């Protein structure tokens, strides 16, 4: 399997984020790429860099899933932020339009609150460069599948599935899984995104919620008690033309591998009823019991079975890395998934 990673992803490296009101070391940094790379090596796989970390084609594809003003914000906010008196080194909001804002602000502080949903996405001078490199990796993997490969993998960090049409959140700036689906839609009439991350892919859901050509399905810790809290309920099934093309399977906190795999079986059955022509896997490894953001208690062995069950679908498939944070098990978890997928 061809695997893609652009080294410019390292340009996004926020040292901290706000956790329970306190600054805490960010688990989403370049060390993730190092650990995931080791996991691929353990599975006998190597990484290839996309030709470019930015291109006019990538920009046009991103404009299909994100609004122009959001992309402009990500690209231009840092220098504007630095002109503010006593501005922090990183862009971080101190106000949000809770309840729904009606007026789009011109001021950098207002725009930061509008576009940065939470306090897990501080932006540096080079964050957008890193996010583009992450997106370019997903794009390259999807293009490889368009070229006829049965499957390809993209090592993406920052991850993407919490990034909506004009919102960053949960460490995510650009939605890499949605981008991969957008590339696949250039050839395939129906595409499915199956999200096995610990957290609900609320950004992906928002992007495709009223569309019937891209099915979105997610298993995740119950948002009644877990991030992202406000999205991911079983009653969220899509709207308009997209009604019935969105499936959420919330799981009780602390659920083990059996709970997780049973939900995966149900989600795959829903996916198959949609009859897609190609599939994007939003691969989270943070359901592992020792993940620093742990909400489930999945053992490493379960990821072997996840890989086997997804490979058995036999659709053209792009695997996009979402969550999974630094522990001594992260490399082993990815290797386990690849072992199952390539068996």
Protein backbone atom coordinates (compact mmCIF):
# COMPACT_ATOMS: atom_id res chain seq x y z
CA UNK A 1 0.00 0.00 0.00
CA UNK A 2 1.24 3.48 -0.89
CA UNK A 3 1.43 5.80 2.13
CA UNK A 4 1.77 9.58 1.98
CA UNK A 5 3.13 12.21 4.37
CA UNK A 6 4.42 15.69 3.64
CA UNK A 7 7.08 16.81 6.13
CA UNK A 8 5.79 20.41 6.13
CA UNK A 9 3.10 19.17 8.52
CA UNK A 10 5.68 19.84 11.23
CA UNK A 11 5.13 23.57 10.73
CA UNK A 12 1.99 23.29 12.86
CA UNK A 13 3.24 22.58 16.36
CA UNK A 14 1.28 24.37 19.10
CA UNK A 15 2.93 23.63 22.46
CA UNK A 16 -0.21 23.93 24.57
CA UNK A 17 -4.00 23.94 24.47
CA UNK A 18 -6.62 24.79 27.07
CA UNK A 19 -7.86 21.77 29.04
CA UNK A 20 -10.43 22.20 31.81
CA UNK A 21 -9.50 25.88 31.93
CA UNK A 22 -5.78 25.22 32.32
CA UNK A 23 -2.96 25.39 29.76
CA UNK A 24 -1.78 21.83 29.09
CA UNK A 25 0.82 20.31 26.75
CA UNK A 26 -0.79 19.66 23.39
CA UNK A 27 -0.90 15.96 22.44
CA UNK A 28 -1.25 16.97 18.78
CA UNK A 29 2.30 17.72 17.64
CA UNK A 30 5.04 16.46 15.31
CA UNK A 31 5.84 13.56 17.65
CA UNK A 32 2.59 11.98 16.49
CA UNK A 33 3.98 11.74 12.97
CA UNK A 34 7.17 10.16 14.28
CA UNK A 35 5.25 7.49 16.20
CA UNK A 36 2.87 6.78 13.33
CA UNK A 37 5.80 6.54 10.91
CA UNK A 38 7.34 3.93 13.19
CA UNK A 39 4.05 2.05 13.20
CA UNK A 40 4.06 1.94 9.41
CA UNK A 41 7.67 0.74 9.43
CA UNK A 42 6.69 -2.02 11.85
CA UNK A 43 4.10 -3.07 9.28
CA UNK A 44 6.65 -3.00 6.45
CA UNK A 45 5.32 0.23 4.94
CA UNK A 46 7.17 3.41 3.98
CA UNK A 47 6.08 6.98 3.37
CA UNK A 48 6.18 9.06 0.19
CA UNK A 49 5.90 12.84 0.15
CA UNK A 50 3.32 14.46 -2.15
CA UNK A 51 4.87 16.53 -4.92
CA UNK A 52 3.57 19.77 -3.42
CA UNK A 53 2.26 20.92 -0.07
CA UNK A 54 0.13 23.54 -1.81
CA UNK A 55 -1.22 23.87 -5.32
CA UNK A 56 -4.04 25.61 -7.21
CA UNK A 57 -5.79 22.23 -7.53
CA UNK A 58 -5.67 21.64 -3.78
CA UNK A 59 -7.04 25.14 -3.14
CA UNK A 60 -9.97 24.57 -5.52
CA UNK A 61 -10.80 21.27 -3.86
CA UNK A 62 -10.65 22.82 -0.40
CA UNK A 63 -13.09 25.50 -1.59
CA UNK A 64 -15.63 22.73 -2.18
CA UNK A 65 -15.68 21.82 1.53
CA UNK A 66 -14.69 25.07 3.29
CA UNK A 67 -15.98 28.60 2.81
CA UNK A 68 -13.71 31.18 1.13
CA UNK A 69 -13.74 33.43 4.20
CA UNK A 70 -12.63 30.54 6.43
CA UNK A 71 -9.71 29.70 4.17
CA UNK A 72 -8.80 33.39 4.00
CA UNK A 73 -8.96 33.57 7.79
CA UNK A 74 -6.56 30.63 8.24
CA UNK A 75 -4.12 32.09 5.75
CA UNK A 76 -4.14 35.70 6.93
CA UNK A 77 -5.10 35.84 10.60
CA UNK A 78 -1.65 35.55 12.14
CA UNK A 79 -0.11 38.80 10.84
CA UNK A 80 -3.35 40.66 11.57
CA UNK A 81 -3.41 39.19 15.08
CA UNK A 82 0.13 40.35 15.74
CA UNK A 83 -0.85 43.98 15.10
CA UNK A 84 -3.12 43.91 18.17
CA UNK A 85 -1.75 45.49 21.37
CA UNK A 86 -0.30 42.87 23.74
CA UNK A 87 -1.32 40.02 21.43
CA UNK A 88 -0.36 36.50 22.47
CA UNK A 89 2.14 34.55 20.39
CA UNK A 90 -0.63 32.21 19.19
CA UNK A 91 -4.03 33.15 17.83
CA UNK A 92 -6.66 32.00 20.34
CA UNK A 93 -10.22 33.27 20.82
CA UNK A 94 -11.63 34.91 23.92
CA UNK A 95 -15.20 35.22 22.63
CA UNK A 96 -17.53 32.95 20.66
CA UNK A 97 -20.91 33.53 18.99
CA UNK A 98 -22.69 31.09 21.29
CA UNK A 99 -26.31 30.65 20.29
CA UNK A 100 -25.50 31.54 16.70
CA UNK A 101 -24.04 34.82 15.50
CA UNK A 102 -25.79 36.91 12.86
CA UNK A 103 -23.00 39.33 11.96
CA UNK A 104 -19.62 38.31 10.56
CA UNK A 105 -16.99 40.52 12.22
CA UNK A 106 -14.13 42.37 10.55
CA UNK A 107 -11.95 42.53 13.68
CA UNK A 108 -9.34 39.74 14.19
CA UNK A 109 -10.63 38.94 17.69
CA UNK A 110 -14.16 38.50 16.41
CA UNK A 111 -13.04 36.39 13.47
CA UNK A 112 -10.96 34.17 15.77
CA UNK A 113 -14.06 33.56 17.89
CA UNK A 114 -16.18 32.89 14.82
CA UNK A 115 -13.83 30.35 13.21
CA UNK A 116 -12.03 28.70 16.14
CA UNK A 117 -14.72 26.67 17.83
CA UNK A 118 -12.69 25.73 20.91
CA UNK A 119 -9.33 26.31 22.59
CA UNK A 120 -7.56 23.34 20.98
CA UNK A 121 -6.56 25.12 17.76
CA UNK A 122 -4.07 27.89 18.58
CA UNK A 123 -2.55 29.19 15.35
CA UNK A 124 1.07 30.15 14.79
CA UNK A 125 2.69 31.96 11.86
CA UNK A 126 3.18 28.62 10.08
CA UNK A 127 0.05 26.69 11.12
CA UNK A 128 -1.70 27.14 7.79
CA UNK A 129 1.39 25.84 6.00
CA UNK A 130 1.30 22.73 8.18
CA UNK A 131 -2.44 22.23 7.64
CA UNK A 132 -2.04 22.51 3.86
CA UNK A 133 0.69 19.84 3.97
CA UNK A 134 -1.67 17.58 5.91
CA UNK A 135 -4.41 18.16 3.35
CA UNK A 136 -1.99 17.57 0.48
CA UNK A 137 -1.16 14.17 1.96
CA UNK A 138 -4.85 13.18 1.95
CA UNK A 139 -5.19 14.53 -1.57
CA UNK A 140 -2.22 12.46 -2.78
CA UNK A 141 -3.64 9.28 -1.27
CA UNK A 142 -7.02 9.90 -2.92
CA UNK A 143 -5.37 10.61 -6.26
CA UNK A 144 -3.48 7.33 -5.96
CA UNK A 145 -6.80 5.52 -5.62
CA UNK A 146 -8.19 7.45 -8.60
CA UNK A 147 -5.18 6.14 -10.53
CA UNK A 148 -6.28 2.58 -9.79
CA UNK A 149 -4.68 1.63 -6.48
CA UNK A 150 -7.07 -0.48 -4.37
CA UNK A 151 -6.11 1.47 -1.24
CA UNK A 152 -3.80 4.24 -0.02
CA UNK A 153 -3.02 5.75 3.37
CA UNK A 154 -2.45 9.39 4.36
CA UNK A 155 -0.59 10.25 7.56
CA UNK A 156 -2.30 13.54 8.40
CA UNK A 157 -1.57 15.84 11.29
CA UNK A 158 -3.15 18.09 12.22
CA UNK A 159 -6.16 15.79 11.84
CA UNK A 160 -9.31 17.06 10.20
CA UNK A 161 -12.66 15.51 11.06
CA UNK A 162 -13.71 18.25 13.53
CA UNK A 163 -13.14 20.98 10.93
CA UNK A 164 -16.44 22.10 9.42
CA UNK A 165 -17.21 24.39 6.49
CA UNK A 166 -15.88 27.40 8.39
CA UNK A 167 -14.90 26.14 11.81
CA UNK A 168 -11.75 24.70 13.35
CA UNK A 169 -11.94 22.57 16.48
CA UNK A 170 -10.48 19.59 18.28
CA UNK A 171 -6.96 20.14 16.85
CA UNK A 172 -8.45 20.14 13.30
CA UNK A 173 -8.02 22.99 10.79
CA UNK A 174 -8.78 21.51 7.34
CA UNK A 175 -10.99 18.46 6.87
CA UNK A 176 -8.70 15.87 5.30
CA UNK A 177 -11.28 13.07 5.17
CA UNK A 178 -13.82 15.33 3.47
CA UNK A 179 -11.12 16.40 1.03
CA UNK A 180 -10.33 12.77 0.19
CA UNK A 181 -14.03 12.13 -0.44
CA UNK A 182 -14.20 15.23 -2.65
CA UNK A 183 -11.31 13.93 -4.76
CA UNK A 184 -12.95 10.50 -5.06
CA UNK A 185 -16.22 12.13 -6.13
CA UNK A 186 -14.45 13.35 -9.26
CA UNK A 187 -14.77 9.78 -10.54
CA UNK A 188 -17.14 7.89 -8.25
CA UNK A 189 -20.82 8.81 -8.08
CA UNK A 190 -21.30 7.70 -4.47
CA UNK A 191 -18.66 7.84 -1.74
CA UNK A 192 -18.90 6.78 1.91
CA UNK A 193 -16.87 8.09 4.85
CA UNK A 194 -16.68 5.69 7.80
CA UNK A 195 -15.23 7.31 10.91
CA UNK A 196 -13.85 4.97 13.61
CA UNK A 197 -12.24 7.67 15.74
CA UNK A 198 -13.01 7.96 19.46
CA UNK A 199 -14.65 11.34 18.82
CA UNK A 200 -17.58 12.15 16.58
CA UNK A 201 -16.53 13.64 13.24
CA UNK A 202 -18.77 16.67 13.58
CA UNK A 203 -17.00 18.70 10.92
CA UNK A 204 -17.36 15.93 8.35
CA UNK A 205 -21.03 15.56 9.25
CA UNK A 206 -21.61 19.29 8.83
CA UNK A 207 -19.97 19.38 5.40
CA UNK A 208 -22.12 16.60 3.91
CA UNK A 209 -25.26 16.74 6.07
CA UNK A 210 -27.63 17.78 3.29
CA UNK A 211 -26.01 15.73 0.50
CA UNK A 212 -26.98 12.30 -0.75
CA UNK A 213 -23.83 11.56 -2.77
CA UNK A 214 -21.53 11.25 0.27
CA UNK A 215 -22.66 9.02 3.13
CA UNK A 216 -21.13 9.74 6.54
CA UNK A 217 -21.07 7.24 9.40
CA UNK A 218 -19.39 7.52 12.78
CA UNK A 219 -18.98 5.39 15.89
CA UNK A 220 -17.74 7.34 18.88
CA UNK A 221 -17.97 7.97 22.60
CA UNK A 222 -21.39 9.34 23.51
CA UNK A 223 -21.31 13.15 23.10
CA UNK A 224 -23.65 13.50 26.08
CA UNK A 225 -20.51 12.96 28.15
CA UNK A 226 -17.61 13.52 25.73
CA UNK A 227 -16.14 15.87 23.13
CA UNK A 228 -17.48 17.32 20.84
CA UNK A 229 -20.58 17.35 23.12
CA UNK A 230 -22.96 19.19 20.78
CA UNK A 231 -23.02 16.81 17.78
CA UNK A 232 -23.05 13.07 17.25
CA UNK A 233 -26.44 11.92 18.49
CA UNK A 234 -28.19 8.95 16.93
CA UNK A 235 -31.05 11.25 15.89
CA UNK A 236 -28.78 13.20 13.52
CA UNK A 237 -29.57 11.45 10.23
CA UNK A 238 -29.02 14.18 7.63
CA UNK A 239 -31.43 16.71 6.18
CA UNK A 240 -33.04 17.47 2.85
CA UNK A 241 -31.51 15.35 0.11
CA UNK A 242 -29.08 14.00 2.72
CA UNK A 243 -31.74 12.57 5.02
CA UNK A 244 -30.75 9.00 5.83
CA UNK A 245 -27.18 9.47 4.58
CA UNK A 246 -25.74 10.24 8.02
CA UNK A 247 -25.42 7.59 10.74
CA UNK A 248 -24.14 8.05 14.29
CA UNK A 249 -23.54 5.24 16.76
CA UNK A 250 -22.74 6.76 20.18
CA UNK A 251 -21.02 4.35 22.58
CA UNK A 252 -21.07 4.43 26.39
CA UNK A 253 -17.94 5.81 28.01
CA UNK A 254 -15.55 3.05 28.98
CA UNK A 255 -16.86 0.63 26.35
CA UNK A 256 -14.42 -2.16 25.52
CA UNK A 257 -13.32 -3.78 22.29
CA UNK A 258 -16.44 -5.91 22.00
CA UNK A 259 -18.67 -2.83 22.22
CA UNK A 260 -16.49 -1.03 19.67
CA UNK A 261 -16.38 -3.92 17.18
CA UNK A 262 -20.10 -4.61 17.49
CA UNK A 263 -20.76 -0.99 16.59
CA UNK A 264 -18.34 -1.30 13.67
CA UNK A 265 -20.32 -4.27 12.35
CA UNK A 266 -23.53 -2.22 12.50
CA UNK A 267 -21.87 0.78 10.85
CA UNK A 268 -20.48 -1.34 8.02
CA UNK A 269 -23.96 -2.80 7.41
CA UNK A 270 -25.34 0.75 7.11
CA UNK A 271 -22.52 1.68 4.74
CA UNK A 272 -23.20 -1.33 2.51
CA UNK A 273 -26.89 -0.42 2.23
CA UNK A 274 -25.77 2.93 0.77
CA UNK A 275 -23.92 0.99 -1.97
CA UNK A 276 -20.97 3.36 -2.40
CA UNK A 277 -18.44 3.06 -5.19
CA UNK A 278 -15.50 4.12 -3.00
CA UNK A 279 -14.81 4.60 0.71
CA UNK A 280 -12.82 6.93 2.94
CA UNK A 281 -11.80 5.57 6.34
CA UNK A 282 -11.35 8.29 8.95
CA UNK A 283 -8.92 6.27 11.05
CA UNK A 284 -8.73 7.19 14.71
CA UNK A 285 -6.60 5.13 17.07
CA UNK A 286 -7.63 7.09 20.17
CA UNK A 287 -10.24 4.53 21.22
CA UNK A 288 -7.29 2.65 22.76
CA UNK A 289 -7.52 2.28 26.54
CA UNK A 290 -4.27 4.15 27.20
CA UNK A 291 -4.76 7.08 24.82
CA UNK A 292 -4.32 10.39 26.70
CA UNK A 293 -7.81 11.43 25.58
CA UNK A 294 -9.24 8.01 26.41
CA UNK A 295 -12.99 7.56 26.52
CA UNK A 296 -13.12 3.88 25.52
CA UNK A 297 -11.10 0.86 26.58
CA UNK A 298 -10.15 -0.79 23.30
CA UNK A 299 -7.10 -3.07 23.27
CA UNK A 300 -4.50 -3.08 20.49
CA UNK A 301 -5.72 -6.44 19.18
CA UNK A 302 -9.06 -4.90 18.23
CA UNK A 303 -7.38 -2.71 15.61
CA UNK A 304 -6.28 -5.84 13.75
CA UNK A 305 -9.94 -6.78 13.44
CA UNK A 306 -10.88 -3.24 12.39
CA UNK A 307 -8.38 -3.48 9.54
CA UNK A 308 -9.65 -6.91 8.47
CA UNK A 309 -13.30 -5.85 8.44
CA UNK A 310 -12.67 -2.69 6.45
CA UNK A 311 -10.40 -4.45 3.94
CA UNK A 312 -13.11 -7.08 3.41
CA UNK A 313 -15.37 -4.38 1.95
CA UNK A 314 -13.28 -4.49 -1.24
CA UNK A 315 -14.12 -0.94 -2.29
CA UNK A 316 -11.44 1.48 -3.55
CA UNK A 317 -10.38 2.96 -0.22
CA UNK A 318 -8.50 5.96 1.15
CA UNK A 319 -7.40 5.69 4.77
CA UNK A 320 -6.94 9.11 6.38
CA UNK A 321 -5.31 9.38 9.78
CA UNK A 322 -7.42 11.23 12.32
CA UNK A 323 -6.86 10.85 16.09
CA UNK A 324 -4.51 8.72 18.13
CA UNK A 325 -2.19 10.54 20.50
CA UNK A 326 1.27 9.86 21.90
CA UNK A 327 1.59 6.79 24.07
CA UNK A 328 3.92 3.82 23.98
CA UNK A 329 1.13 1.99 22.12
CA UNK A 330 0.43 4.40 19.25
CA UNK A 331 2.95 2.86 16.83
CA UNK A 332 1.76 -0.64 17.71
CA UNK A 333 -1.89 0.33 17.21
CA UNK A 334 -1.28 1.57 13.67
CA UNK A 335 0.85 -1.48 12.87
CA UNK A 336 -1.98 -3.69 14.17
CA UNK A 337 -4.53 -1.97 11.92
CA UNK A 338 -2.24 -2.32 8.89
CA UNK A 339 -1.57 -5.96 9.76
CA UNK A 340 -5.28 -6.64 9.64
CA UNK A 341 -5.92 -4.53 6.56
CA UNK A 342 -3.14 -6.04 4.45
CA UNK A 343 -3.50 -9.64 5.64
